[in-house]
């Protein structure tokens, strides 16, 4: 995921890590269940230079999409966004090229546009 965020930074595409999940917590003796983020939403979200939403679901070598992730990516595509499943930065770069974002528009200055969660 860090390599994909770095690639987007190098291409001057505004993007950030999108955390989702759930937590069980206890407060004053009562257990509480909290869900945060949109269920099935992608690992990385961003805004492309033309204003369209970018959603990147990062998967390992054998990782598979959950039904909620498939629905989310389909909804992004139907809304004229760009939805990508990437196993590494090379796959993301190829998907961006296929979507018409093959060239770097500008060079990001050091520290400028640093994606949230990237180190």
PDB file of N, CA and C in Angstrom:
ATOM      1  N   UNK A   1       0.828  -1.187   0.000  1.00  0.00           N
ATOM      2  CA  UNK A   1       0.000   0.000   0.000  1.00  0.00           C
ATOM      3  C   UNK A   1       0.875   1.253   0.000  1.00  0.00           C
ATOM      4  N   UNK A   2       1.967   1.235   0.754  1.00  0.00           N
ATOM      5  CA  UNK A   2       2.846   2.401   0.820  1.00  0.00           C
ATOM      6  C   UNK A   2       3.422   2.716  -0.560  1.00  0.00           C
ATOM      7  N   UNK A   3       3.783   1.682  -1.328  1.00  0.00           N
ATOM      8  CA  UNK A   3       4.334   1.904  -2.667  1.00  0.00           C
ATOM      9  C   UNK A   3       3.284   2.519  -3.593  1.00  0.00           C
ATOM     10  N   UNK A   4       2.044   2.108  -3.446  1.00  0.00           N
ATOM     11  CA  UNK A   4       0.965   2.681  -4.268  1.00  0.00           C
ATOM     12  C   UNK A   4       0.735   4.148  -3.897  1.00  0.00           C
ATOM     13  N   UNK A   5       0.740   4.448  -2.614  1.00  0.00           N
ATOM     14  CA  UNK A   5       0.596   5.851  -2.176  1.00  0.00           C
ATOM     15  C   UNK A   5       1.753   6.695  -2.703  1.00  0.00           C
ATOM     16  N   UNK A   6       2.954   6.135  -2.666  1.00  0.00           N
ATOM     17  CA  UNK A   6       4.123   6.870  -3.159  1.00  0.00           C
ATOM     18  C   UNK A   6       4.012   7.119  -4.669  1.00  0.00           C
ATOM     19  N   UNK A   7       3.569   6.122  -5.422  1.00  0.00           N
ATOM     20  CA  UNK A   7       3.380   6.297  -6.864  1.00  0.00           C
ATOM     21  C   UNK A   7       2.402   7.436  -7.145  1.00  0.00           C
ATOM     22  N   UNK A   8       1.296   7.464  -6.415  1.00  0.00           N
ATOM     23  CA  UNK A   8       0.304   8.526  -6.615  1.00  0.00           C
ATOM     24  C   UNK A   8       0.883   9.886  -6.276  1.00  0.00           C
ATOM     25  N   UNK A   9       1.702   9.949  -5.235  1.00  0.00           N
ATOM     26  CA  UNK A   9       2.373  11.199  -4.885  1.00  0.00           C
ATOM     27  C   UNK A   9       3.283  11.655  -6.022  1.00  0.00           C
ATOM     28  N   UNK A  10       4.067  10.731  -6.579  1.00  0.00           N
ATOM     29  CA  UNK A  10       4.972  11.071  -7.681  1.00  0.00           C
ATOM     30  C   UNK A  10       4.211  11.553  -8.917  1.00  0.00           C
ATOM     31  N   UNK A  11       2.991  11.051  -9.096  1.00  0.00           N
ATOM     32  CA  UNK A  11       2.166  11.481 -10.223  1.00  0.00           C
ATOM     33  C   UNK A  11       1.329  12.717  -9.881  1.00  0.00           C
ATOM     34  N   UNK A  12       1.543  13.275  -8.684  1.00  0.00           N
ATOM     35  CA  UNK A  12       0.810  14.463  -8.214  1.00  0.00           C
ATOM     36  C   UNK A  12      -0.694  14.229  -8.174  1.00  0.00           C
ATOM     37  N   UNK A  13      -1.071  13.012  -7.811  1.00  0.00           N
ATOM     38  CA  UNK A  13      -2.486  12.688  -7.631  1.00  0.00           C
ATOM     39  C   UNK A  13      -2.781  12.738  -6.137  1.00  0.00           C
ATOM     40  N   UNK A  14      -3.701  13.597  -5.749  1.00  0.00           N
ATOM     41  CA  UNK A  14      -4.079  13.754  -4.351  1.00  0.00           C
ATOM     42  C   UNK A  14      -4.760  12.480  -3.876  1.00  0.00           C
ATOM     43  N   UNK A  15      -4.142  11.777  -2.921  1.00  0.00           N
ATOM     44  CA  UNK A  15      -4.668  10.497  -2.459  1.00  0.00           C
ATOM     45  C   UNK A  15      -4.306  10.283  -0.995  1.00  0.00           C
ATOM     46  N   UNK A  16      -5.085   9.431  -0.339  1.00  0.00           N
ATOM     47  CA  UNK A  16      -4.851   9.160   1.074  1.00  0.00           C
ATOM     48  C   UNK A  16      -5.278   7.737   1.407  1.00  0.00           C
ATOM     49  N   UNK A  17      -4.714   7.234   2.489  1.00  0.00           N
ATOM     50  CA  UNK A  17      -5.093   5.920   2.995  1.00  0.00           C
ATOM     51  C   UNK A  17      -6.466   6.040   3.642  1.00  0.00           C
ATOM     52  N   UNK A  18      -7.328   5.092   3.349  1.00  0.00           N
ATOM     53  CA  UNK A  18      -8.694   5.113   3.860  1.00  0.00           C
ATOM     54  C   UNK A  18      -8.877   3.949   4.837  1.00  0.00           C
ATOM     55  N   UNK A  19      -8.893   4.270   6.114  1.00  0.00           N
ATOM     56  CA  UNK A  19      -9.035   3.222   7.124  1.00  0.00           C
ATOM     57  C   UNK A  19     -10.503   2.907   7.386  1.00  0.00           C
ATOM     58  N   UNK A  20     -10.815   1.627   7.463  1.00  0.00           N
ATOM     59  CA  UNK A  20     -12.157   1.173   7.825  1.00  0.00           C
ATOM     60  C   UNK A  20     -12.010   0.000   8.782  1.00  0.00           C
ATOM     61  N   UNK A  21     -13.046  -0.271   9.528  1.00  0.00           N
ATOM     62  CA  UNK A  21     -12.999  -1.415  10.422  1.00  0.00           C
ATOM     63  C   UNK A  21     -14.021  -1.302  11.528  1.00  0.00           C
ATOM     64  N   UNK A  22     -13.779  -2.047  12.594  1.00  0.00           N
ATOM     65  CA  UNK A  22     -14.685  -2.055  13.734  1.00  0.00           C
ATOM     66  C   UNK A  22     -13.871  -2.342  14.987  1.00  0.00           C
ATOM     67  N   UNK A  23     -14.410  -1.876  16.113  1.00  0.00           N
ATOM     68  CA  UNK A  23     -13.736  -2.099  17.386  1.00  0.00           C
ATOM     69  C   UNK A  23     -14.778  -2.320  18.479  1.00  0.00           C
ATOM     70  N   UNK A  24     -14.469  -3.222  19.372  1.00  0.00           N
ATOM     71  CA  UNK A  24     -15.304  -3.458  20.541  1.00  0.00           C
ATOM     72  C   UNK A  24     -14.591  -2.806  21.714  1.00  0.00           C
ATOM     73  N   UNK A  25     -15.287  -1.923  22.393  1.00  0.00           N
ATOM     74  CA  UNK A  25     -14.684  -1.172  23.474  1.00  0.00           C
ATOM     75  C   UNK A  25     -15.567  -1.255  24.701  1.00  0.00           C
ATOM     76  N   UNK A  26     -14.980  -0.960  25.847  1.00  0.00           N
ATOM     77  CA  UNK A  26     -15.756  -0.962  27.082  1.00  0.00           C
ATOM     78  C   UNK A  26     -15.600   0.393  27.753  1.00  0.00           C
ATOM     79  N   UNK A  27     -16.731   0.957  28.189  1.00  0.00           N
ATOM     80  CA  UNK A  27     -16.730   2.248  28.866  1.00  0.00           C
ATOM     81  C   UNK A  27     -17.707   2.183  30.027  1.00  0.00           C
ATOM     82  N   UNK A  28     -17.207   2.462  31.216  1.00  0.00           N
ATOM     83  CA  UNK A  28     -18.023   2.416  32.438  1.00  0.00           C
ATOM     84  C   UNK A  28     -18.786   1.096  32.566  1.00  0.00           C
ATOM     85  N   UNK A  29     -18.085   0.017  32.238  1.00  0.00           N
ATOM     86  CA  UNK A  29     -18.675  -1.310  32.388  1.00  0.00           C
ATOM     87  C   UNK A  29     -19.583  -1.760  31.259  1.00  0.00           C
ATOM     88  N   UNK A  30     -19.825  -0.898  30.296  1.00  0.00           N
ATOM     89  CA  UNK A  30     -20.683  -1.257  29.155  1.00  0.00           C
ATOM     90  C   UNK A  30     -19.831  -1.483  27.913  1.00  0.00           C
ATOM     91  N   UNK A  31     -20.108  -2.593  27.237  1.00  0.00           N
ATOM     92  CA  UNK A  31     -19.409  -2.876  25.987  1.00  0.00           C
ATOM     93  C   UNK A  31     -20.114  -2.156  24.853  1.00  0.00           C
ATOM     94  N   UNK A  32     -19.303  -1.583  23.980  1.00  0.00           N
ATOM     95  CA  UNK A  32     -19.842  -0.855  22.829  1.00  0.00           C
ATOM     96  C   UNK A  32     -19.099  -1.295  21.571  1.00  0.00           C
ATOM     97  N   UNK A  33     -19.854  -1.440  20.517  1.00  0.00           N
ATOM     98  CA  UNK A  33     -19.298  -1.836  19.221  1.00  0.00           C
ATOM     99  C   UNK A  33     -19.370  -0.634  18.285  1.00  0.00           C
ATOM    100  N   UNK A  34     -18.219  -0.246  17.718  1.00  0.00           N
ATOM    101  CA  UNK A  34     -18.162   0.892  16.795  1.00  0.00           C
ATOM    102  C   UNK A  34     -17.616   0.438  15.452  1.00  0.00           C
ATOM    103  N   UNK A  35     -18.285   0.848  14.408  1.00  0.00           N
ATOM    104  CA  UNK A  35     -17.795   0.626  13.051  1.00  0.00           C
ATOM    105  C   UNK A  35     -17.392   1.989  12.502  1.00  0.00           C
ATOM    106  N   UNK A  36     -16.233   2.048  11.853  1.00  0.00           N
ATOM    107  CA  UNK A  36     -15.795   3.306  11.259  1.00  0.00           C
ATOM    108  C   UNK A  36     -15.448   3.092   9.789  1.00  0.00           C
ATOM    109  N   UNK A  37     -15.656   4.130   9.016  1.00  0.00           N
ATOM    110  CA  UNK A  37     -15.447   4.022   7.583  1.00  0.00           C
ATOM    111  C   UNK A  37     -16.648   3.378   6.900  1.00  0.00           C
ATOM    112  N   UNK A  38     -16.650   3.403   5.596  1.00  0.00           N
ATOM    113  CA  UNK A  38     -17.719   2.829   4.788  1.00  0.00           C
ATOM    114  C   UNK A  38     -17.372   1.377   4.501  1.00  0.00           C
ATOM    115  N   UNK A  39     -18.232   0.455   4.872  1.00  0.00           N
ATOM    116  CA  UNK A  39     -17.956  -0.976   4.722  1.00  0.00           C
ATOM    117  C   UNK A  39     -17.668  -1.309   3.251  1.00  0.00           C
ATOM    118  N   UNK A  40     -16.527  -1.943   3.020  1.00  0.00           N
ATOM    119  CA  UNK A  40     -16.137  -2.339   1.667  1.00  0.00           C
ATOM    120  C   UNK A  40     -15.360  -1.285   0.910  1.00  0.00           C
ATOM    121  N   UNK A  41     -15.206  -0.079   1.493  1.00  0.00           N
ATOM    122  CA  UNK A  41     -14.502   0.976   0.756  1.00  0.00           C
ATOM    123  C   UNK A  41     -13.031   0.632   0.580  1.00  0.00           C
ATOM    124  N   UNK A  42     -12.438   1.205  -0.423  1.00  0.00           N
ATOM    125  CA  UNK A  42     -11.077   0.859  -0.829  1.00  0.00           C
ATOM    126  C   UNK A  42     -10.024   1.354   0.152  1.00  0.00           C
ATOM    127  N   UNK A  43      -8.838   0.736   0.060  1.00  0.00           N
ATOM    128  CA  UNK A  43      -7.713   1.078   0.929  1.00  0.00           C
ATOM    129  C   UNK A  43      -7.187   2.478   0.668  1.00  0.00           C
ATOM    130  N   UNK A  44      -7.229   2.903  -0.578  1.00  0.00           N
ATOM    131  CA  UNK A  44      -6.749   4.230  -0.961  1.00  0.00           C
ATOM    132  C   UNK A  44      -7.852   4.939  -1.731  1.00  0.00           C
ATOM    133  N   UNK A  45      -8.104   6.170  -1.365  1.00  0.00           N
ATOM    134  CA  UNK A  45      -9.024   7.035  -2.104  1.00  0.00           C
ATOM    135  C   UNK A  45      -8.256   8.258  -2.562  1.00  0.00           C
ATOM    136  N   UNK A  46      -8.707   8.862  -3.653  1.00  0.00           N
ATOM    137  CA  UNK A  46      -8.044  10.047  -4.159  1.00  0.00           C
ATOM    138  C   UNK A  46      -8.916  10.791  -5.154  1.00  0.00           C
ATOM    139  N   UNK A  47      -8.390  11.933  -5.564  1.00  0.00           N
ATOM    140  CA  UNK A  47      -9.073  12.758  -6.554  1.00  0.00           C
ATOM    141  C   UNK A  47      -8.115  12.926  -7.730  1.00  0.00           C
ATOM    142  N   UNK A  48      -8.560  12.498  -8.905  1.00  0.00           N
ATOM    143  CA  UNK A  48      -7.746  12.608 -10.114  1.00  0.00           C
ATOM    144  C   UNK A  48      -7.744  14.047 -10.624  1.00  0.00           C
ATOM    145  N   UNK A  49      -6.776  14.421 -11.446  1.00  0.00           N
ATOM    146  CA  UNK A  49      -6.683  15.803 -11.925  1.00  0.00           C
ATOM    147  C   UNK A  49      -7.954  16.332 -12.596  1.00  0.00           C
ATOM    148  N   UNK A  50      -8.764  15.442 -13.184  1.00  0.00           N
ATOM    149  CA  UNK A  50     -10.000  15.894 -13.820  1.00  0.00           C
ATOM    150  C   UNK A  50     -11.181  15.921 -12.849  1.00  0.00           C
ATOM    151  N   UNK A  51     -10.911  15.647 -11.555  1.00  0.00           N
ATOM    152  CA  UNK A  51     -11.947  15.723 -10.533  1.00  0.00           C
ATOM    153  C   UNK A  51     -12.649  14.415 -10.227  1.00  0.00           C
ATOM    154  N   UNK A  52     -12.329  13.360 -10.984  1.00  0.00           N
ATOM    155  CA  UNK A  52     -12.981  12.069 -10.731  1.00  0.00           C
ATOM    156  C   UNK A  52     -12.387  11.396  -9.498  1.00  0.00           C
ATOM    157  N   UNK A  53     -13.210  10.581  -8.837  1.00  0.00           N
ATOM    158  CA  UNK A  53     -12.761   9.842  -7.666  1.00  0.00           C
ATOM    159  C   UNK A  53     -11.928   8.645  -8.097  1.00  0.00           C
ATOM    160  N   UNK A  54     -10.830   8.413  -7.385  1.00  0.00           N
ATOM    161  CA  UNK A  54      -9.992   7.233  -7.577  1.00  0.00           C
ATOM    162  C   UNK A  54     -10.150   6.349  -6.350  1.00  0.00           C
ATOM    163  N   UNK A  55     -10.409   5.066  -6.558  1.00  0.00           N
ATOM    164  CA  UNK A  55     -10.479   4.093  -5.473  1.00  0.00           C
ATOM    165  C   UNK A  55      -9.525   2.947  -5.808  1.00  0.00           C
ATOM    166  N   UNK A  56      -8.577   2.681  -4.914  1.00  0.00           N
ATOM    167  CA  UNK A  56      -7.595   1.624  -5.133  1.00  0.00           C
ATOM    168  C   UNK A  56      -7.716   0.606  -4.003  1.00  0.00           C
ATOM    169  N   UNK A  57      -8.047  -0.615  -4.356  1.00  0.00           N
ATOM    170  CA  UNK A  57      -8.095  -1.714  -3.393  1.00  0.00           C
ATOM    171  C   UNK A  57      -6.784  -2.482  -3.518  1.00  0.00           C
ATOM    172  N   UNK A  58      -5.979  -2.479  -2.462  1.00  0.00           N
ATOM    173  CA  UNK A  58      -4.681  -3.151  -2.470  1.00  0.00           C
ATOM    174  C   UNK A  58      -4.847  -4.583  -1.972  1.00  0.00           C
ATOM    175  N   UNK A  59      -4.341  -5.519  -2.739  1.00  0.00           N
ATOM    176  CA  UNK A  59      -4.438  -6.931  -2.377  1.00  0.00           C
ATOM    177  C   UNK A  59      -3.071  -7.577  -2.491  1.00  0.00           C
ATOM    178  N   UNK A  60      -2.822  -8.561  -1.649  1.00  0.00           N
ATOM    179  CA  UNK A  60      -1.601  -9.346  -1.732  1.00  0.00           C
ATOM    180  C   UNK A  60      -1.675 -10.317  -2.898  1.00  0.00           C
ATOM    181  N   UNK A  61      -0.660 -11.122  -3.027  1.00  0.00           N
ATOM    182  CA  UNK A  61      -0.552 -12.054  -4.161  1.00  0.00           C
ATOM    183  C   UNK A  61      -1.794 -12.924  -4.337  1.00  0.00           C
ATOM    184  N   UNK A  62      -2.362 -13.417  -3.235  1.00  0.00           N
ATOM    185  CA  UNK A  62      -3.501 -14.322  -3.326  1.00  0.00           C
ATOM    186  C   UNK A  62      -4.794 -13.705  -2.788  1.00  0.00           C
ATOM    187  N   UNK A  63      -4.765 -12.434  -2.462  1.00  0.00           N
ATOM    188  CA  UNK A  63      -5.933 -11.777  -1.883  1.00  0.00           C
ATOM    189  C   UNK A  63      -7.103 -11.698  -2.859  1.00  0.00           C
ATOM    190  N   UNK A  64      -8.310 -11.829  -2.310  1.00  0.00           N
ATOM    191  CA  UNK A  64      -9.529 -11.745  -3.115  1.00  0.00           C
ATOM    192  C   UNK A  64     -10.433 -10.661  -2.546  1.00  0.00           C
ATOM    193  N   UNK A  65     -11.220 -10.065  -3.422  1.00  0.00           N
ATOM    194  CA  UNK A  65     -12.173  -9.044  -2.995  1.00  0.00           C
ATOM    195  C   UNK A  65     -13.318  -9.678  -2.221  1.00  0.00           C
ATOM    196  N   UNK A  66     -13.781  -8.985  -1.197  1.00  0.00           N
ATOM    197  CA  UNK A  66     -14.995  -9.406  -0.506  1.00  0.00           C
ATOM    198  C   UNK A  66     -16.189  -8.929  -1.336  1.00  0.00           C
ATOM    199  N   UNK A  67     -17.368  -9.477  -1.118  1.00  0.00           N
ATOM    200  CA  UNK A  67     -18.543  -8.972  -1.835  1.00  0.00           C
ATOM    201  C   UNK A  67     -18.772  -7.472  -1.611  1.00  0.00           C
ATOM    202  N   UNK A  68     -18.535  -6.984  -0.387  1.00  0.00           N
ATOM    203  CA  UNK A  68     -18.703  -5.545  -0.125  1.00  0.00           C
ATOM    204  C   UNK A  68     -17.693  -4.710  -0.908  1.00  0.00           C
ATOM    205  N   UNK A  69     -16.460  -5.192  -1.048  1.00  0.00           N
ATOM    206  CA  UNK A  69     -15.452  -4.475  -1.829  1.00  0.00           C
ATOM    207  C   UNK A  69     -15.825  -4.461  -3.310  1.00  0.00           C
ATOM    208  N   UNK A  70     -16.330  -5.573  -3.819  1.00  0.00           N
ATOM    209  CA  UNK A  70     -16.773  -5.632  -5.219  1.00  0.00           C
ATOM    210  C   UNK A  70     -17.897  -4.627  -5.466  1.00  0.00           C
ATOM    211  N   UNK A  71     -18.856  -4.564  -4.552  1.00  0.00           N
ATOM    212  CA  UNK A  71     -19.971  -3.615  -4.682  1.00  0.00           C
ATOM    213  C   UNK A  71     -19.469  -2.177  -4.665  1.00  0.00           C
ATOM    214  N   UNK A  72     -18.528  -1.883  -3.766  1.00  0.00           N
ATOM    215  CA  UNK A  72     -17.999  -0.524  -3.671  1.00  0.00           C
ATOM    216  C   UNK A  72     -17.307  -0.119  -4.976  1.00  0.00           C
ATOM    217  N   UNK A  73     -16.427  -0.980  -5.482  1.00  0.00           N
ATOM    218  CA  UNK A  73     -15.712  -0.661  -6.722  1.00  0.00           C
ATOM    219  C   UNK A  73     -16.674  -0.516  -7.899  1.00  0.00           C
ATOM    220  N   UNK A  74     -17.683  -1.363  -7.954  1.00  0.00           N
ATOM    221  CA  UNK A  74     -18.683  -1.267  -9.023  1.00  0.00           C
ATOM    222  C   UNK A  74     -19.427   0.070  -8.939  1.00  0.00           C
ATOM    223  N   UNK A  75     -19.756   0.476  -7.731  1.00  0.00           N
ATOM    224  CA  UNK A  75     -20.468   1.751  -7.557  1.00  0.00           C
ATOM    225  C   UNK A  75     -19.600   2.929  -7.997  1.00  0.00           C
ATOM    226  N   UNK A  76     -18.302   2.867  -7.711  1.00  0.00           N
ATOM    227  CA  UNK A  76     -17.382   3.924  -8.154  1.00  0.00           C
ATOM    228  C   UNK A  76     -17.354   3.975  -9.681  1.00  0.00           C
ATOM    229  N   UNK A  77     -17.240   2.818 -10.320  1.00  0.00           N
ATOM    230  CA  UNK A  77     -17.205   2.776 -11.796  1.00  0.00           C
ATOM    231  C   UNK A  77     -18.504   3.316 -12.399  1.00  0.00           C
ATOM    232  N   UNK A  78     -19.650   2.926 -11.824  1.00  0.00           N
ATOM    233  CA  UNK A  78     -20.940   3.398 -12.341  1.00  0.00           C
ATOM    234  C   UNK A  78     -21.123   4.899 -12.136  1.00  0.00           C
ATOM    235  N   UNK A  79     -20.358   5.468 -11.224  1.00  0.00           N
ATOM    236  CA  UNK A  79     -20.435   6.910 -10.958  1.00  0.00           C
ATOM    237  C   UNK A  79     -19.354   7.681 -11.715  1.00  0.00           C
ATOM    238  N   UNK A  80     -18.746   7.030 -12.726  1.00  0.00           N
ATOM    239  CA  UNK A  80     -17.715   7.626 -13.578  1.00  0.00           C
ATOM    240  C   UNK A  80     -16.388   7.832 -12.858  1.00  0.00           C
ATOM    241  N   UNK A  81     -16.173   7.098 -11.766  1.00  0.00           N
ATOM    242  CA  UNK A  81     -14.881   7.143 -11.086  1.00  0.00           C
ATOM    243  C   UNK A  81     -13.960   6.084 -11.655  1.00  0.00           C
ATOM    244  N   UNK A  82     -12.737   6.052 -11.148  1.00  0.00           N
ATOM    245  CA  UNK A  82     -11.756   5.053 -11.567  1.00  0.00           C
ATOM    246  C   UNK A  82     -11.529   4.116 -10.385  1.00  0.00           C
ATOM    247  N   UNK A  83     -11.853   2.843 -10.563  1.00  0.00           N
ATOM    248  CA  UNK A  83     -11.724   1.834  -9.519  1.00  0.00           C
ATOM    249  C   UNK A  83     -10.690   0.803  -9.950  1.00  0.00           C
ATOM    250  N   UNK A  84      -9.724   0.546  -9.067  1.00  0.00           N
ATOM    251  CA  UNK A  84      -8.589  -0.312  -9.403  1.00  0.00           C
ATOM    252  C   UNK A  84      -8.351  -1.322  -8.288  1.00  0.00           C
ATOM    253  N   UNK A  85      -8.037  -2.561  -8.680  1.00  0.00           N
ATOM    254  CA  UNK A  85      -7.520  -3.548  -7.745  1.00  0.00           C
ATOM    255  C   UNK A  85      -6.051  -3.718  -8.111  1.00  0.00           C
ATOM    256  N   UNK A  86      -5.160  -3.448  -7.157  1.00  0.00           N
ATOM    257  CA  UNK A  86      -3.718  -3.491  -7.438  1.00  0.00           C
ATOM    258  C   UNK A  86      -3.009  -4.387  -6.439  1.00  0.00           C
ATOM    259  N   UNK A  87      -2.146  -5.241  -6.946  1.00  0.00           N
ATOM    260  CA  UNK A  87      -1.331  -6.097  -6.081  1.00  0.00           C
ATOM    261  C   UNK A  87       0.019  -5.458  -5.799  1.00  0.00           C
ATOM    262  N   UNK A  88       0.372  -4.445  -6.594  1.00  0.00           N
ATOM    263  CA  UNK A  88       1.614  -3.704  -6.383  1.00  0.00           C
ATOM    264  C   UNK A  88       1.534  -2.387  -7.148  1.00  0.00           C
ATOM    265  N   UNK A  89       2.549  -1.554  -7.003  1.00  0.00           N
ATOM    266  CA  UNK A  89       2.556  -0.233  -7.645  1.00  0.00           C
ATOM    267  C   UNK A  89       2.585  -0.347  -9.166  1.00  0.00           C
ATOM    268  N   UNK A  90       3.231  -1.392  -9.693  1.00  0.00           N
ATOM    269  CA  UNK A  90       3.271  -1.576 -11.152  1.00  0.00           C
ATOM    270  C   UNK A  90       1.863  -1.777 -11.708  1.00  0.00           C
ATOM    271  N   UNK A  91       1.056  -2.619 -11.050  1.00  0.00           N
ATOM    272  CA  UNK A  91      -0.329  -2.831 -11.502  1.00  0.00           C
ATOM    273  C   UNK A  91      -1.131  -1.540 -11.431  1.00  0.00           C
ATOM    274  N   UNK A  92      -0.921  -0.760 -10.373  1.00  0.00           N
ATOM    275  CA  UNK A  92      -1.620   0.524 -10.259  1.00  0.00           C
ATOM    276  C   UNK A  92      -1.203   1.452 -11.383  1.00  0.00           C
ATOM    277  N   UNK A  93       0.096   1.507 -11.669  1.00  0.00           N
ATOM    278  CA  UNK A  93       0.588   2.368 -12.745  1.00  0.00           C
ATOM    279  C   UNK A  93      -0.025   1.972 -14.089  1.00  0.00           C
ATOM    280  N   UNK A  94      -0.095   0.674 -14.365  1.00  0.00           N
ATOM    281  CA  UNK A  94      -0.692   0.203 -15.619  1.00  0.00           C
ATOM    282  C   UNK A  94      -2.180   0.570 -15.690  1.00  0.00           C
ATOM    283  N   UNK A  95      -2.882   0.446 -14.583  1.00  0.00           N
ATOM    284  CA  UNK A  95      -4.310   0.798 -14.554  1.00  0.00           C
ATOM    285  C   UNK A  95      -4.499   2.297 -14.762  1.00  0.00           C
ATOM    286  N   UNK A  96      -3.622   3.102 -14.190  1.00  0.00           N
ATOM    287  CA  UNK A  96      -3.704   4.555 -14.393  1.00  0.00           C
ATOM    288  C   UNK A  96      -3.432   4.915 -15.855  1.00  0.00           C
ATOM    289  N   UNK A  97      -2.455   4.248 -16.466  1.00  0.00           N
ATOM    290  CA  UNK A  97      -2.180   4.473 -17.892  1.00  0.00           C
ATOM    291  C   UNK A  97      -3.407   4.128 -18.727  1.00  0.00           C
ATOM    292  N   UNK A  98      -4.029   2.983 -18.450  1.00  0.00           N
ATOM    293  CA  UNK A  98      -5.214   2.555 -19.202  1.00  0.00           C
ATOM    294  C   UNK A  98      -6.366   3.539 -19.032  1.00  0.00           C
ATOM    295  N   UNK A  99      -6.415   4.223 -17.885  1.00  0.00           N
ATOM    296  CA  UNK A  99      -7.476   5.202 -17.624  1.00  0.00           C
ATOM    297  C   UNK A  99      -7.100   6.596 -18.134  1.00  0.00           C
ATOM    298  N   UNK A 100      -5.915   6.721 -18.759  1.00  0.00           N
ATOM    299  CA  UNK A 100      -5.509   8.001 -19.335  1.00  0.00           C
ATOM    300  C   UNK A 100      -4.661   8.871 -18.430  1.00  0.00           C
ATOM    301  N   UNK A 101      -4.070   8.289 -17.391  1.00  0.00           N
ATOM    302  CA  UNK A 101      -3.233   9.057 -16.466  1.00  0.00           C
ATOM    303  C   UNK A 101      -1.809   8.533 -16.482  1.00  0.00           C
ATOM    304  N   UNK A 102      -1.241   8.395 -17.670  1.00  0.00           N
ATOM    305  CA  UNK A 102       0.087   7.806 -17.812  1.00  0.00           C
ATOM    306  C   UNK A 102       1.232   8.736 -17.538  1.00  0.00           C
ATOM    307  N   UNK A 103       1.036  10.024 -17.729  1.00  0.00           N
ATOM    308  CA  UNK A 103       2.131  10.974 -17.555  1.00  0.00           C
ATOM    309  C   UNK A 103       1.991  11.702 -16.240  1.00  0.00           C
ATOM    310  N   UNK A 104       3.147  12.025 -15.686  1.00  0.00           N
ATOM    311  CA  UNK A 104       3.172  12.834 -14.488  1.00  0.00           C
ATOM    312  C   UNK A 104       2.842  14.256 -14.885  1.00  0.00           C
ATOM    313  N   UNK A 105       1.893  14.886 -14.231  1.00  0.00           N
ATOM    314  CA  UNK A 105       1.481  16.238 -14.597  1.00  0.00           C
ATOM    315  C   UNK A 105       2.451  17.277 -14.061  1.00  0.00           C
ATOM    316  N   UNK A 106       2.849  17.132 -12.816  1.00  0.00           N
ATOM    317  CA  UNK A 106       3.798  18.043 -12.197  1.00  0.00           C
ATOM    318  C   UNK A 106       4.665  17.242 -11.245  1.00  0.00           C
ATOM    319  N   UNK A 107       5.714  17.856 -10.765  1.00  0.00           N
ATOM    320  CA  UNK A 107       6.566  17.203  -9.788  1.00  0.00           C
ATOM    321  C   UNK A 107       6.183  17.702  -8.412  1.00  0.00           C
ATOM    322  N   UNK A 108       5.847  16.796  -7.526  1.00  0.00           N
ATOM    323  CA  UNK A 108       5.484  17.189  -6.166  1.00  0.00           C
ATOM    324  C   UNK A 108       6.712  17.703  -5.443  1.00  0.00           C
ATOM    325  N   UNK A 109       6.563  18.799  -4.734  1.00  0.00           N
ATOM    326  CA  UNK A 109       7.646  19.333  -3.926  1.00  0.00           C
ATOM    327  C   UNK A 109       7.750  18.492  -2.669  1.00  0.00           C
ATOM    328  N   UNK A 110       8.944  18.449  -2.094  1.00  0.00           N
ATOM    329  CA  UNK A 110       9.145  17.643  -0.891  1.00  0.00           C
ATOM    330  C   UNK A 110       8.172  18.044   0.205  1.00  0.00           C
ATOM    331  N   UNK A 111       7.445  17.065   0.734  1.00  0.00           N
ATOM    332  CA  UNK A 111       6.499  17.316   1.815  1.00  0.00           C
ATOM    333  C   UNK A 111       5.134  17.778   1.338  1.00  0.00           C
ATOM    334  N   UNK A 112       5.027  18.247   0.098  1.00  0.00           N
ATOM    335  CA  UNK A 112       3.748  18.739  -0.423  1.00  0.00           C
ATOM    336  C   UNK A 112       2.944  17.562  -0.931  1.00  0.00           C
ATOM    337  N   UNK A 113       1.687  17.512  -0.548  1.00  0.00           N
ATOM    338  CA  UNK A 113       0.816  16.455  -1.041  1.00  0.00           C
ATOM    339  C   UNK A 113       1.110  15.094  -0.457  1.00  0.00           C
ATOM    340  N   UNK A 114       1.870  15.061   0.650  1.00  0.00           N
ATOM    341  CA  UNK A 114       2.198  13.783   1.277  1.00  0.00           C
ATOM    342  C   UNK A 114       0.908  13.051   1.624  1.00  0.00           C
ATOM    343  N   UNK A 115       0.695  11.849   1.094  1.00  0.00           N
ATOM    344  CA  UNK A 115      -0.542  11.136   1.401  1.00  0.00           C
ATOM    345  C   UNK A 115      -0.628  10.776   2.865  1.00  0.00           C
ATOM    346  N   UNK A 116      -1.810  10.864   3.414  1.00  0.00           N
ATOM    347  CA  UNK A 116      -2.041  10.524   4.804  1.00  0.00           C
ATOM    348  C   UNK A 116      -1.726   9.048   5.019  1.00  0.00           C
ATOM    349  N   UNK A 117      -0.888   8.773   5.981  1.00  0.00           N
ATOM    350  CA  UNK A 117      -0.566   7.389   6.299  1.00  0.00           C
ATOM    351  C   UNK A 117       0.690   6.884   5.612  1.00  0.00           C
ATOM    352  N   UNK A 118       1.266   7.660   4.690  1.00  0.00           N
ATOM    353  CA  UNK A 118       2.486   7.223   4.009  1.00  0.00           C
ATOM    354  C   UNK A 118       3.693   7.651   4.824  1.00  0.00           C
ATOM    355  N   UNK A 119       4.709   6.816   4.840  1.00  0.00           N
ATOM    356  CA  UNK A 119       5.946   7.137   5.567  1.00  0.00           C
ATOM    357  C   UNK A 119       7.130   6.956   4.668  1.00  0.00           C
TER     358      UNK A 119
END
